Every structure is written in structure tokens, then in C-alpha cells.
Amino acid sequence: GTVTQMVPFDQIAYHAGKSTWGGKSGVNAFSIGIEIVNPGMM
């Protein structure tokens, strides 16, 4: 549950890659990215 912040919330982080949401591309420009430490699908 330890949280580390790595980018201020008013600054763009590069977490979304090539992405689209709500008819808008480049989701990095209007989103906040949270990474949960987990191996994902195995």
C-alpha cells in the first residue's frame, strides 16, 4: 500500500501510450495515471 508520487498532478505523465477515450486521442494529456504493482496476466 505504500504510495510513491513521481509526477505532479498538473503535469503530463507518459503512462497511456497510443490511446483514445471519449473521442479524444492522446489520453496522457487529460488523465492521471496510477500504476499498481502487480505482474498482470501470467
All heavy atoms as atom14 arrays in JSON, in Angstrom:
{
  "sequence": "GTVTQMVPFDQIAYHAGKSTWGGKSGVNAFSIGIEIVNPGMM",
  "atom14_mask": [
    [1, 1, 1, 1, 0, 0, 0, 0, 0, 0, 0, 0, 0, 0],
    [1, 1, 1, 1, 1, 1, 1, 0, 0, 0, 0, 0, 0, 0],
    [1, 1, 1, 1, 1, 1, 1, 0, 0, 0, 0, 0, 0, 0],
    [1, 1, 1, 1, 1, 1, 1, 0, 0, 0, 0, 0, 0, 0],
    [1, 1, 1, 1, 1, 1, 1, 1, 1, 0, 0, 0, 0, 0],
    [1, 1, 1, 1, 1, 1, 1, 1, 0, 0, 0, 0, 0, 0],
    [1, 1, 1, 1, 1, 1, 1, 0, 0, 0, 0, 0, 0, 0],
    [1, 1, 1, 1, 1, 1, 1, 0, 0, 0, 0, 0, 0, 0],
    [1, 1, 1, 1, 1, 1, 1, 1, 1, 1, 1, 0, 0, 0],
    [1, 1, 1, 1, 1, 1, 1, 1, 0, 0, 0, 0, 0, 0],
    [1, 1, 1, 1, 1, 1, 1, 1, 1, 0, 0, 0, 0, 0],
    [1, 1, 1, 1, 1, 1, 1, 1, 0, 0, 0, 0, 0, 0],
    [1, 1, 1, 1, 1, 0, 0, 0, 0, 0, 0, 0, 0, 0],
    [1, 1, 1, 1, 1, 1, 1, 1, 1, 1, 1, 1, 0, 0],
    [1, 1, 1, 1, 1, 1, 1, 1, 1, 1, 0, 0, 0, 0],
    [1, 1, 1, 1, 1, 0, 0, 0, 0, 0, 0, 0, 0, 0],
    [1, 1, 1, 1, 0, 0, 0, 0, 0, 0, 0, 0, 0, 0],
    [1, 1, 1, 1, 1, 1, 1, 1, 1, 0, 0, 0, 0, 0],
    [1, 1, 1, 1, 1, 1, 0, 0, 0, 0, 0, 0, 0, 0],
    [1, 1, 1, 1, 1, 1, 1, 0, 0, 0, 0, 0, 0, 0],
    [1, 1, 1, 1, 1, 1, 1, 1, 1, 1, 1, 1, 1, 1],
    [1, 1, 1, 1, 0, 0, 0, 0, 0, 0, 0, 0, 0, 0],
    [1, 1, 1, 1, 0, 0, 0, 0, 0, 0, 0, 0, 0, 0],
    [1, 1, 1, 1, 1, 1, 1, 1, 1, 0, 0, 0, 0, 0],
    [1, 1, 1, 1, 1, 1, 0, 0, 0, 0, 0, 0, 0, 0],
    [1, 1, 1, 1, 0, 0, 0, 0, 0, 0, 0, 0, 0, 0],
    [1, 1, 1, 1, 1, 1, 1, 0, 0, 0, 0, 0, 0, 0],
    [1, 1, 1, 1, 1, 1, 1, 1, 0, 0, 0, 0, 0, 0],
    [1, 1, 1, 1, 1, 0, 0, 0, 0, 0, 0, 0, 0, 0],
    [1, 1, 1, 1, 1, 1, 1, 1, 1, 1, 1, 0, 0, 0],
    [1, 1, 1, 1, 1, 1, 0, 0, 0, 0, 0, 0, 0, 0],
    [1, 1, 1, 1, 1, 1, 1, 1, 0, 0, 0, 0, 0, 0],
    [1, 1, 1, 1, 0, 0, 0, 0, 0, 0, 0, 0, 0, 0],
    [1, 1, 1, 1, 1, 1, 1, 1, 0, 0, 0, 0, 0, 0],
    [1, 1, 1, 1, 1, 1, 1, 1, 1, 0, 0, 0, 0, 0],
    [1, 1, 1, 1, 1, 1, 1, 1, 0, 0, 0, 0, 0, 0],
    [1, 1, 1, 1, 1, 1, 1, 0, 0, 0, 0, 0, 0, 0],
    [1, 1, 1, 1, 1, 1, 1, 1, 0, 0, 0, 0, 0, 0],
    [1, 1, 1, 1, 1, 1, 1, 0, 0, 0, 0, 0, 0, 0],
    [1, 1, 1, 1, 0, 0, 0, 0, 0, 0, 0, 0, 0, 0],
    [1, 1, 1, 1, 1, 1, 1, 1, 0, 0, 0, 0, 0, 0],
    [1, 1, 1, 1, 1, 1, 1, 1, 0, 0, 0, 0, 0, 0]
  ],
  "atom14_positions": [
    [[0.78, -1.22, 0.0], [0.0, 0.0, 0.0], [0.81, 1.28, 0.0], [0.25, 2.37, -0.08], [0.0, 0.0, 0.0], [0.0, 0.0, 0.0], [0.0, 0.0, 0.0], [0.0, 0.0, 0.0], [0.0, 0.0, 0.0], [0.0, 0.0, 0.0], [0.0, 0.0, 0.0], [0.0, 0.0, 0.0], [0.0, 0.0, 0.0], [0.0, 0.0, 0.0]],
    [[2.14, 1.16, 0.07], [2.99, 2.35, 0.02], [2.81, 3.07, -1.31], [2.84, 2.44, -2.37], [4.46, 1.98, 0.21], [4.63, 1.38, 1.5], [5.37, 3.22, 0.1], [0.0, 0.0, 0.0], [0.0, 0.0, 0.0], [0.0, 0.0, 0.0], [0.0, 0.0, 0.0], [0.0, 0.0, 0.0], [0.0, 0.0, 0.0], [0.0, 0.0, 0.0]],
    [[2.63, 4.38, -1.24], [2.42, 5.19, -2.45], [3.64, 6.07, -2.69], [4.12, 6.73, -1.77], [1.16, 6.06, -2.31], [1.01, 7.01, -3.5], [-0.08, 5.19, -2.17], [0.0, 0.0, 0.0], [0.0, 0.0, 0.0], [0.0, 0.0, 0.0], [0.0, 0.0, 0.0], [0.0, 0.0, 0.0], [0.0, 0.0, 0.0], [0.0, 0.0, 0.0]],
    [[4.13, 6.06, -3.91], [5.2, 6.97, -4.32], [4.66, 7.84, -5.45], [4.18, 7.32, -6.46], [6.43, 6.2, -4.83], [6.91, 5.32, -3.8], [7.55, 7.16, -5.23], [0.0, 0.0, 0.0], [0.0, 0.0, 0.0], [0.0, 0.0, 0.0], [0.0, 0.0, 0.0], [0.0, 0.0, 0.0], [0.0, 0.0, 0.0], [0.0, 0.0, 0.0]],
    [[4.73, 9.14, -5.27], [4.35, 10.04, -6.36], [5.59, 10.34, -7.2], [6.68, 10.56, -6.67], [3.75, 11.34, -5.84], [3.24, 12.24, -6.96], [2.45, 13.44, -6.47], [2.24, 13.61, -5.27], [2.01, 14.27, -7.39], [0.0, 0.0, 0.0], [0.0, 0.0, 0.0], [0.0, 0.0, 0.0], [0.0, 0.0, 0.0], [0.0, 0.0, 0.0]],
    [[5.42, 10.36, -8.53], [6.55, 10.53, -9.42], [6.41, 11.7, -10.37], [7.39, 12.16, -10.95], [6.81, 9.24, -10.2], [6.99, 8.02, -9.29], [7.97, 6.7, -10.05], [9.6, 7.44, -10.09], [0.0, 0.0, 0.0], [0.0, 0.0, 0.0], [0.0, 0.0, 0.0], [0.0, 0.0, 0.0], [0.0, 0.0, 0.0], [0.0, 0.0, 0.0]],
    [[5.19, 12.19, -10.55], [4.93, 13.34, -11.4], [3.86, 14.19, -10.72], [2.85, 13.64, -10.26], [4.44, 12.91, -12.81], [4.12, 14.12, -13.68], [5.47, 12.02, -13.5], [0.0, 0.0, 0.0], [0.0, 0.0, 0.0], [0.0, 0.0, 0.0], [0.0, 0.0, 0.0], [0.0, 0.0, 0.0], [0.0, 0.0, 0.0], [0.0, 0.0, 0.0]],
    [[4.02, 15.51, -10.62], [2.97, 16.35, -10.06], [1.67, 16.18, -10.85], [1.7, 15.93, -12.06], [3.52, 17.77, -10.2], [5.01, 17.59, -10.26], [5.22, 16.3, -10.99], [0.0, 0.0, 0.0], [0.0, 0.0, 0.0], [0.0, 0.0, 0.0], [0.0, 0.0, 0.0], [0.0, 0.0, 0.0], [0.0, 0.0, 0.0], [0.0, 0.0, 0.0]],
    [[0.53, 16.33, -10.2], [-0.74, 16.05, -10.84], [-1.15, 17.08, -11.88], [-2.11, 16.86, -12.62], [-1.83, 15.9, -9.78], [-1.64, 14.7, -8.89], [-1.6, 14.85, -7.52], [-1.48, 13.43, -9.43], [-1.43, 13.76, -6.69], [-1.3, 12.32, -8.62], [-1.27, 12.48, -7.24], [0.0, 0.0, 0.0], [0.0, 0.0, 0.0], [0.0, 0.0, 0.0]],
    [[-0.45, 18.2, -11.94], [-0.75, 19.18, -13.0], [0.22, 19.06, -14.17], [0.29, 19.93, -15.03], [-0.72, 20.61, -12.44], [0.66, 21.03, -11.97], [1.51, 20.15, -11.69], [0.9, 22.25, -11.88], [0.0, 0.0, 0.0], [0.0, 0.0, 0.0], [0.0, 0.0, 0.0], [0.0, 0.0, 0.0], [0.0, 0.0, 0.0], [0.0, 0.0, 0.0]],
    [[0.97, 17.96, -14.19], [1.96, 17.73, -15.24], [1.65, 16.42, -15.96], [1.15, 15.46, -15.34], [3.36, 17.67, -14.63], [4.5, 17.74, -15.62], [5.85, 17.92, -14.92], [5.9, 18.22, -13.72], [6.92, 17.73, -15.64], [0.0, 0.0, 0.0], [0.0, 0.0, 0.0], [0.0, 0.0, 0.0], [0.0, 0.0, 0.0], [0.0, 0.0, 0.0]],
    [[1.93, 16.35, -17.24], [1.63, 15.16, -18.04], [2.62, 14.05, -17.74], [3.83, 14.27, -17.73], [1.66, 15.5, -19.54], [0.51, 16.45, -19.89], [1.59, 14.23, -20.4], [0.6, 17.02, -21.29], [0.0, 0.0, 0.0], [0.0, 0.0, 0.0], [0.0, 0.0, 0.0], [0.0, 0.0, 0.0], [0.0, 0.0, 0.0], [0.0, 0.0, 0.0]],
    [[2.1, 12.85, -17.47], [2.92, 11.65, -17.33], [2.69, 10.77, -18.56], [1.6, 10.78, -19.15], [2.55, 10.89, -16.06], [0.0, 0.0, 0.0], [0.0, 0.0, 0.0], [0.0, 0.0, 0.0], [0.0, 0.0, 0.0], [0.0, 0.0, 0.0], [0.0, 0.0, 0.0], [0.0, 0.0, 0.0], [0.0, 0.0, 0.0], [0.0, 0.0, 0.0]],
    [[3.7, 10.01, -18.92], [3.64, 9.19, -20.13], [3.24, 7.75, -19.78], [4.06, 6.83, -19.85], [4.98, 9.21, -20.84], [5.41, 10.58, -21.33], [6.74, 10.96, -21.29], [4.47, 11.49, -21.82], [7.14, 12.22, -21.75], [4.86, 12.74, -22.27], [6.19, 13.1, -22.23], [6.58, 14.34, -22.67], [0.0, 0.0, 0.0], [0.0, 0.0, 0.0]],
    [[1.98, 7.56, -19.43], [1.51, 6.25, -19.0], [0.54, 5.59, -19.97], [0.35, 4.38, -19.94], [0.82, 6.37, -17.63], [-0.37, 7.28, -17.64], [-1.65, 6.82, -17.82], [-0.47, 8.63, -17.53], [-2.49, 7.85, -17.81], [-1.79, 8.96, -17.63], [0.0, 0.0, 0.0], [0.0, 0.0, 0.0], [0.0, 0.0, 0.0], [0.0, 0.0, 0.0]],
    [[-0.09, 6.37, -20.83], [-1.19, 5.85, -21.64], [-0.78, 5.32, -23.01], [-1.51, 4.54, -23.62], [-2.26, 6.93, -21.81], [0.0, 0.0, 0.0], [0.0, 0.0, 0.0], [0.0, 0.0, 0.0], [0.0, 0.0, 0.0], [0.0, 0.0, 0.0], [0.0, 0.0, 0.0], [0.0, 0.0, 0.0], [0.0, 0.0, 0.0], [0.0, 0.0, 0.0]],
    [[0.36, 5.75, -23.51], [0.78, 5.33, -24.84], [-0.17, 5.83, -25.92], [-0.85, 6.85, -25.75], [0.0, 0.0, 0.0], [0.0, 0.0, 0.0], [0.0, 0.0, 0.0], [0.0, 0.0, 0.0], [0.0, 0.0, 0.0], [0.0, 0.0, 0.0], [0.0, 0.0, 0.0], [0.0, 0.0, 0.0], [0.0, 0.0, 0.0], [0.0, 0.0, 0.0]],
    [[-0.23, 5.11, -27.03], [-1.16, 5.47, -28.09], [-2.56, 5.12, -27.62], [-2.89, 3.95, -27.41], [-0.81, 4.7, -29.37], [-1.64, 5.12, -30.57], [-1.2, 4.37, -31.82], [-2.04, 4.81, -33.03], [-1.62, 4.09, -34.26], [0.0, 0.0, 0.0], [0.0, 0.0, 0.0], [0.0, 0.0, 0.0], [0.0, 0.0, 0.0], [0.0, 0.0, 0.0]],
    [[-3.4, 6.12, -27.42], [-4.65, 5.88, -26.7], [-5.75, 6.85, -27.13], [-5.48, 7.95, -27.63], [-4.4, 6.03, -25.19], [-3.74, 7.27, -24.92], [0.0, 0.0, 0.0], [0.0, 0.0, 0.0], [0.0, 0.0, 0.0], [0.0, 0.0, 0.0], [0.0, 0.0, 0.0], [0.0, 0.0, 0.0], [0.0, 0.0, 0.0], [0.0, 0.0, 0.0]],
    [[-6.98, 6.42, -26.87], [-8.17, 7.23, -27.18], [-9.22, 6.99, -26.12], [-9.44, 5.85, -25.69], [-8.75, 6.85, -28.56], [-7.74, 6.99, -29.56], [-9.93, 7.73, -28.92], [0.0, 0.0, 0.0], [0.0, 0.0, 0.0], [0.0, 0.0, 0.0], [0.0, 0.0, 0.0], [0.0, 0.0, 0.0], [0.0, 0.0, 0.0], [0.0, 0.0, 0.0]],
    [[-9.89, 8.06, -25.72], [-11.02, 7.92, -24.79], [-11.99, 9.08, -25.0], [-11.57, 10.22, -25.13], [-10.56, 7.88, -23.33], [-11.69, 7.59, -22.39], [-12.27, 8.44, -21.5], [-12.37, 6.34, -22.26], [-13.28, 7.8, -20.83], [-13.36, 6.51, -21.29], [-12.25, 5.1, -22.9], [-14.23, 5.47, -20.9], [-13.11, 4.08, -22.53], [-14.08, 4.27, -21.54]],
    [[-13.27, 8.76, -25.01], [-14.29, 9.79, -25.17], [-14.16, 10.55, -26.47], [-14.5, 11.75, -26.53], [0.0, 0.0, 0.0], [0.0, 0.0, 0.0], [0.0, 0.0, 0.0], [0.0, 0.0, 0.0], [0.0, 0.0, 0.0], [0.0, 0.0, 0.0], [0.0, 0.0, 0.0], [0.0, 0.0, 0.0], [0.0, 0.0, 0.0], [0.0, 0.0, 0.0]],
    [[-13.66, 9.89, -27.52], [-13.5, 10.54, -28.8], [-12.26, 11.41, -28.92], [-12.06, 12.06, -29.95], [0.0, 0.0, 0.0], [0.0, 0.0, 0.0], [0.0, 0.0, 0.0], [0.0, 0.0, 0.0], [0.0, 0.0, 0.0], [0.0, 0.0, 0.0], [0.0, 0.0, 0.0], [0.0, 0.0, 0.0], [0.0, 0.0, 0.0], [0.0, 0.0, 0.0]],
    [[-11.43, 11.43, -27.88], [-10.21, 12.23, -27.89], [-8.99, 11.32, -27.85], [-8.94, 10.38, -27.06], [-10.19, 13.19, -26.69], [-11.32, 14.2, -26.69], [-11.42, 14.92, -25.35], [-10.17, 15.72, -25.02], [-10.31, 16.46, -23.74], [0.0, 0.0, 0.0], [0.0, 0.0, 0.0], [0.0, 0.0, 0.0], [0.0, 0.0, 0.0], [0.0, 0.0, 0.0]],
    [[-8.02, 11.61, -28.68], [-6.78, 10.82, -28.69], [-5.75, 11.46, -27.78], [-5.89, 12.61, -27.36], [-6.24, 10.72, -30.12], [-5.94, 12.01, -30.63], [0.0, 0.0, 0.0], [0.0, 0.0, 0.0], [0.0, 0.0, 0.0], [0.0, 0.0, 0.0], [0.0, 0.0, 0.0], [0.0, 0.0, 0.0], [0.0, 0.0, 0.0], [0.0, 0.0, 0.0]],
    [[-4.69, 10.7, -27.48], [-3.62, 11.21, -26.62], [-4.08, 11.39, -25.19], [-4.08, 12.49, -24.64], [0.0, 0.0, 0.0], [0.0, 0.0, 0.0], [0.0, 0.0, 0.0], [0.0, 0.0, 0.0], [0.0, 0.0, 0.0], [0.0, 0.0, 0.0], [0.0, 0.0, 0.0], [0.0, 0.0, 0.0], [0.0, 0.0, 0.0], [0.0, 0.0, 0.0]],
    [[-4.45, 10.28, -24.55], [-5.06, 10.33, -23.22], [-4.11, 10.88, -22.16], [-4.55, 11.42, -21.13], [-5.6, 8.93, -22.83], [-6.17, 8.91, -21.41], [-6.67, 8.49, -23.83], [0.0, 0.0, 0.0], [0.0, 0.0, 0.0], [0.0, 0.0, 0.0], [0.0, 0.0, 0.0], [0.0, 0.0, 0.0], [0.0, 0.0, 0.0], [0.0, 0.0, 0.0]],
    [[-2.8, 10.78, -22.38], [-1.85, 11.36, -21.43], [-2.17, 12.82, -21.11], [-1.95, 13.28, -19.99], [-0.43, 11.29, -21.99], [0.17, 9.9, -21.91], [-0.17, 9.11, -21.05], [1.07, 9.61, -22.84], [0.0, 0.0, 0.0], [0.0, 0.0, 0.0], [0.0, 0.0, 0.0], [0.0, 0.0, 0.0], [0.0, 0.0, 0.0], [0.0, 0.0, 0.0]],
    [[-2.68, 13.55, -22.1], [-2.87, 14.99, -21.97], [-4.0, 15.36, -21.03], [-4.07, 16.52, -20.58], [-3.12, 15.61, -23.35], [0.0, 0.0, 0.0], [0.0, 0.0, 0.0], [0.0, 0.0, 0.0], [0.0, 0.0, 0.0], [0.0, 0.0, 0.0], [0.0, 0.0, 0.0], [0.0, 0.0, 0.0], [0.0, 0.0, 0.0], [0.0, 0.0, 0.0]],
    [[-4.88, 14.41, -20.71], [-6.01, 14.76, -19.85], [-6.31, 13.69, -18.8], [-7.44, 13.54, -18.35], [-7.27, 15.07, -20.69], [-7.69, 13.97, -21.64], [-8.58, 12.98, -21.24], [-7.2, 13.93, -22.94], [-8.99, 11.98, -22.11], [-7.59, 12.93, -23.82], [-8.49, 11.95, -23.41], [0.0, 0.0, 0.0], [0.0, 0.0, 0.0], [0.0, 0.0, 0.0]],
    [[-5.28, 12.95, -18.39], [-5.51, 11.88, -17.42], [-4.41, 11.81, -16.37], [-3.3, 12.3, -16.57], [-5.59, 10.53, -18.15], [-4.33, 10.19, -18.7], [0.0, 0.0, 0.0], [0.0, 0.0, 0.0], [0.0, 0.0, 0.0], [0.0, 0.0, 0.0], [0.0, 0.0, 0.0], [0.0, 0.0, 0.0], [0.0, 0.0, 0.0], [0.0, 0.0, 0.0]],
    [[-4.75, 11.18, -15.26], [-3.8, 10.89, -14.19], [-3.59, 9.38, -14.14], [-4.56, 8.61, -14.11], [-4.3, 11.43, -12.85], [-4.25, 12.97, -12.88], [-3.48, 10.89, -11.69], [-4.88, 13.64, -11.7], [0.0, 0.0, 0.0], [0.0, 0.0, 0.0], [0.0, 0.0, 0.0], [0.0, 0.0, 0.0], [0.0, 0.0, 0.0], [0.0, 0.0, 0.0]],
    [[-2.33, 8.96, -14.17], [-2.0, 7.54, -14.24], [-1.57, 6.96, -12.91], [-0.67, 7.49, -12.25], [0.0, 0.0, 0.0], [0.0, 0.0, 0.0], [0.0, 0.0, 0.0], [0.0, 0.0, 0.0], [0.0, 0.0, 0.0], [0.0, 0.0, 0.0], [0.0, 0.0, 0.0], [0.0, 0.0, 0.0], [0.0, 0.0, 0.0], [0.0, 0.0, 0.0]],
    [[-2.21, 5.86, -12.52], [-1.87, 5.14, -11.29], [-1.37, 3.75, -11.68], [-2.07, 2.99, -12.35], [-3.08, 5.0, -10.36], [-3.58, 6.38, -9.9], [-2.74, 4.13, -9.15], [-4.86, 6.33, -9.08], [0.0, 0.0, 0.0], [0.0, 0.0, 0.0], [0.0, 0.0, 0.0], [0.0, 0.0, 0.0], [0.0, 0.0, 0.0], [0.0, 0.0, 0.0]],
    [[-0.16, 3.42, -11.27], [0.41, 2.09, -11.51], [0.34, 1.26, -10.23], [0.86, 1.66, -9.19], [1.87, 2.2, -11.96], [2.06, 2.77, -13.35], [1.92, 1.73, -14.45], [1.72, 0.54, -14.12], [2.01, 2.12, -15.63], [0.0, 0.0, 0.0], [0.0, 0.0, 0.0], [0.0, 0.0, 0.0], [0.0, 0.0, 0.0], [0.0, 0.0, 0.0]],
    [[-0.33, 0.11, -10.32], [-0.42, -0.82, -9.19], [0.59, -1.94, -9.4], [0.59, -2.59, -10.45], [-1.84, -1.41, -9.07], [-2.89, -0.3, -8.96], [-1.92, -2.35, -7.87], [-4.31, -0.81, -8.95], [0.0, 0.0, 0.0], [0.0, 0.0, 0.0], [0.0, 0.0, 0.0], [0.0, 0.0, 0.0], [0.0, 0.0, 0.0], [0.0, 0.0, 0.0]],
    [[1.46, -2.15, -8.43], [2.49, -3.18, -8.56], [1.82, -4.55, -8.58], [1.26, -5.01, -7.58], [3.51, -3.08, -7.42], [4.49, -4.25, -7.49], [4.27, -1.75, -7.5], [0.0, 0.0, 0.0], [0.0, 0.0, 0.0], [0.0, 0.0, 0.0], [0.0, 0.0, 0.0], [0.0, 0.0, 0.0], [0.0, 0.0, 0.0], [0.0, 0.0, 0.0]],
    [[1.87, -5.18, -9.74], [1.22, -6.47, -9.96], [1.79, -7.06, -11.24], [2.04, -6.32, -12.19], [-0.29, -6.28, -10.08], [-1.05, -7.6, -10.15], [-1.16, -8.2, -11.22], [-1.57, -8.05, -9.02], [0.0, 0.0, 0.0], [0.0, 0.0, 0.0], [0.0, 0.0, 0.0], [0.0, 0.0, 0.0], [0.0, 0.0, 0.0], [0.0, 0.0, 0.0]],
    [[1.99, -8.37, -11.3], [2.58, -8.95, -12.51], [1.67, -8.96, -13.72], [2.11, -9.22, -14.83], [2.94, -10.38, -12.08], [2.03, -10.67, -10.93], [1.84, -9.37, -10.23], [0.0, 0.0, 0.0], [0.0, 0.0, 0.0], [0.0, 0.0, 0.0], [0.0, 0.0, 0.0], [0.0, 0.0, 0.0], [0.0, 0.0, 0.0], [0.0, 0.0, 0.0]],
    [[0.37, -8.7, -13.53], [-0.55, -8.75, -14.65], [-0.87, -10.18, -15.04], [-0.74, -11.11, -14.24], [0.0, 0.0, 0.0], [0.0, 0.0, 0.0], [0.0, 0.0, 0.0], [0.0, 0.0, 0.0], [0.0, 0.0, 0.0], [0.0, 0.0, 0.0], [0.0, 0.0, 0.0], [0.0, 0.0, 0.0], [0.0, 0.0, 0.0], [0.0, 0.0, 0.0]],
    [[-1.29, -10.38, -16.27], [-1.69, -11.71, -16.73], [-0.47, -12.61, -16.9], [0.53, -12.2, -17.49], [-2.45, -11.61, -18.05], [-3.2, -12.86, -18.41], [-4.61, -13.21, -17.33], [-5.89, -12.27, -18.17], [0.0, 0.0, 0.0], [0.0, 0.0, 0.0], [0.0, 0.0, 0.0], [0.0, 0.0, 0.0], [0.0, 0.0, 0.0], [0.0, 0.0, 0.0]],
    [[-0.6, -13.83, -16.37], [0.51, -14.78, -16.39], [0.06, -16.12, -16.96], [-1.11, -16.3, -17.3], [1.07, -14.95, -14.97], [1.63, -13.66, -14.37], [2.27, -13.9, -12.69], [0.74, -14.06, -11.75], [0.0, 0.0, 0.0], [0.0, 0.0, 0.0], [0.0, 0.0, 0.0], [0.0, 0.0, 0.0], [0.0, 0.0, 0.0], [0.0, 0.0, 0.0]]
  ]
}
